[in-house]
């Protein structure tokens, strides 16, 4: 376990969305990640860890 002054409770939320073939990066928008609109979205939370080297 990391020392108390190095512990962090920050998290990243990673999201991926299923899109049609041929979608360009410029066409990606927030609506693609809207589950309520019926889009397929996978989510994964990752904890932040600091390492001193």
Protein backbone atom coordinates (compact mmCIF):
# COMPACT_ATOMS: atom_id res chain seq x y z
CA UNK A 1 0.00 0.00 0.00
CA UNK A 2 1.24 3.47 -0.87
CA UNK A 3 2.10 5.98 1.88
CA UNK A 4 -0.79 8.25 2.91
CA UNK A 5 0.68 11.32 1.16
CA UNK A 6 0.86 9.37 -2.12
CA UNK A 7 -2.61 7.83 -2.06
CA UNK A 8 -4.99 9.15 -4.64
CA UNK A 9 -8.73 8.63 -5.00
CA UNK A 10 -8.90 9.98 -8.56
CA UNK A 11 -10.39 7.70 -11.19
CA UNK A 12 -10.61 7.66 -14.97
CA UNK A 13 -13.82 6.60 -16.68
CA UNK A 14 -12.98 4.89 -19.96
CA UNK A 15 -15.81 4.60 -22.44
CA UNK A 16 -16.04 2.81 -25.76
CA UNK A 17 -18.94 2.94 -28.17
CA UNK A 18 -19.90 0.72 -31.08
CA UNK A 19 -19.89 2.68 -34.34
CA UNK A 20 -20.40 1.90 -38.02
CA UNK A 21 -17.44 1.00 -40.24
CA UNK A 22 -15.71 3.98 -41.81
CA UNK A 23 -16.44 6.53 -39.07
CA UNK A 24 -13.74 9.21 -39.13
CA UNK A 25 -12.26 10.71 -35.96
CA UNK A 26 -13.82 14.08 -36.86
CA UNK A 27 -17.28 12.46 -36.76
CA UNK A 28 -16.97 11.26 -33.14
CA UNK A 29 -19.21 13.25 -30.79
CA UNK A 30 -20.74 13.06 -27.30
CA UNK A 31 -24.06 11.75 -28.64
CA UNK A 32 -22.32 8.47 -29.60
CA UNK A 33 -21.80 7.80 -25.87
CA UNK A 34 -25.44 8.46 -24.88
CA UNK A 35 -26.87 5.18 -23.55
CA UNK A 36 -30.34 6.71 -23.17
CA UNK A 37 -30.44 7.27 -26.93
CA UNK A 38 -29.96 3.52 -27.42
CA UNK A 39 -26.24 3.52 -28.23
CA UNK A 40 -24.09 0.58 -27.11
CA UNK A 41 -21.52 1.95 -24.64
CA UNK A 42 -19.05 -0.01 -22.49
CA UNK A 43 -17.57 1.64 -19.38
CA UNK A 44 -14.61 0.82 -17.17
CA UNK A 45 -13.34 2.79 -14.14
CA UNK A 46 -9.60 2.83 -13.45
CA UNK A 47 -7.91 4.11 -10.30
CA UNK A 48 -5.00 6.51 -10.64
CA UNK A 49 -1.68 5.32 -9.21
CA UNK A 50 1.45 7.44 -8.75
CA UNK A 51 4.85 5.75 -8.95
CA UNK A 52 8.18 7.37 -8.09
CA UNK A 53 11.10 6.00 -10.04
